[in-house]
Protein backbone atom coordinates (compact mmCIF):
# COMPACT_ATOMS: atom_id res chain seq x y z
CA MET A 1 -5.62 39.06 98.01
CA TRP A 2 -7.34 38.65 101.38
CA GLU A 3 -5.36 38.69 104.59
CA LEU A 4 -6.51 38.25 108.14
CA ALA A 5 -4.79 39.94 111.07
CA GLY A 6 -2.79 37.48 113.11
CA PHE A 7 -2.38 34.91 110.35
CA ALA A 8 0.79 34.11 108.45
CA HIS A 9 1.12 35.58 105.01
CA GLY A 10 3.99 35.94 102.60
CA ASP A 11 4.83 37.40 99.25
CA CYS A 12 7.16 36.15 96.55
CA THR A 13 7.98 38.09 93.40
CA LEU A 14 9.11 36.26 90.29
CA GLU A 15 10.32 39.26 88.30
CA PRO A 16 13.35 41.46 89.07
CA ASN A 17 12.86 45.00 90.40
CA THR A 18 9.33 44.29 91.60
CA GLU A 19 7.84 46.57 94.25
CA VAL A 20 5.42 45.16 96.82
CA ILE A 21 3.01 47.50 98.57
CA TYR A 22 0.84 46.24 101.38
CA LYS A 23 -1.65 47.66 103.84
CA VAL A 24 -1.25 47.23 107.58
CA THR A 25 -3.95 47.51 110.21
CA ASP A 26 -1.98 49.56 112.75
CA CYS A 27 1.30 51.30 113.46
CA ASN A 28 4.45 49.18 113.61
CA GLU A 29 4.98 47.70 117.07
CA PRO A 30 8.37 45.92 117.09
CA GLY A 31 7.46 43.91 120.20
CA CYS A 32 4.56 42.33 118.32
CA ASP A 33 6.57 41.43 115.23
CA GLN A 34 6.41 37.67 114.82
CA GLY A 35 6.99 35.29 111.96
CA LEU A 36 8.00 31.83 110.94
CA LYS A 37 10.56 30.26 108.64
CA TRP A 38 9.42 30.92 105.07
CA ASP A 39 10.61 27.56 103.72
CA ASP A 40 9.52 25.35 106.62
CA PRO A 41 8.64 21.96 105.07
CA ALA A 42 5.65 21.71 107.45
CA LEU A 43 3.98 24.57 105.56
CA ALA A 44 4.26 22.77 102.19
CA VAL A 45 4.29 26.03 100.20
CA SER A 46 5.52 25.84 96.62
CA TRP A 47 7.33 29.16 96.21
CA TYR A 48 8.65 28.39 92.69
CA VAL A 49 12.09 29.80 93.52
CA GLU A 50 15.48 28.36 94.34
CA PRO A 51 16.11 28.88 98.07
CA ALA A 52 19.64 30.15 97.36
CA SER A 53 18.21 32.99 95.25
CA VAL A 54 15.82 34.28 97.92
CA ARG A 55 16.54 37.69 99.43
CA LEU A 56 15.33 38.07 103.02
CA ALA A 57 15.64 40.64 105.77
CA ASP A 58 17.98 39.47 108.55
CA LYS A 59 15.05 39.14 110.97
CA ASP A 60 13.23 36.87 108.51
CA ARG A 61 16.33 34.76 107.99
CA ARG A 62 16.27 33.94 111.73
CA ARG A 63 12.58 33.01 112.02
CA PRO A 64 11.71 29.72 113.79
CA ALA A 65 9.98 26.70 112.28
CA LEU A 66 6.23 26.35 112.82
CA LYS A 67 6.74 23.56 115.37
CA ASP A 68 8.94 25.87 117.48
CA LEU A 69 6.47 28.76 117.71
CA ALA A 70 4.63 29.49 120.93
CA PRO A 71 0.82 29.43 120.60
CA ALA A 72 -0.43 32.77 119.30
CA PHE A 73 -4.16 32.24 119.84
CA ILE A 74 -6.27 30.75 122.61
CA LEU A 75 -9.54 29.09 121.61
CA ARG A 76 -11.87 29.30 124.57
CA GLY A 77 -14.18 26.36 125.02
CA ALA A 78 -12.00 24.10 122.87
CA GLY A 79 -12.55 20.42 123.43
CA THR A 80 -16.12 20.72 124.69
CA GLY A 81 -17.63 19.71 121.36
CA ARG A 82 -20.16 22.51 121.75
CA GLY A 83 -18.26 25.29 119.96
CA GLY A 84 -18.27 27.72 122.82
């Protein structure tokens, strides 16, 4: 699985007692911890689980919808049609 820093990613296990191990690029910085609502219809992700059966951390349960997130990236030169 490929992941890019600064992009949304999520994991869903379909078997009980599954352990998920993942690599991070730096030490945990709570002030930089961001996320979005896992089941936001705007994302159109088929998770193959019943929402009532999902176990989430409290912080993930309170995540905002995609439309309510502040911009996380600034594309310089956007709108010029010249790519720079």
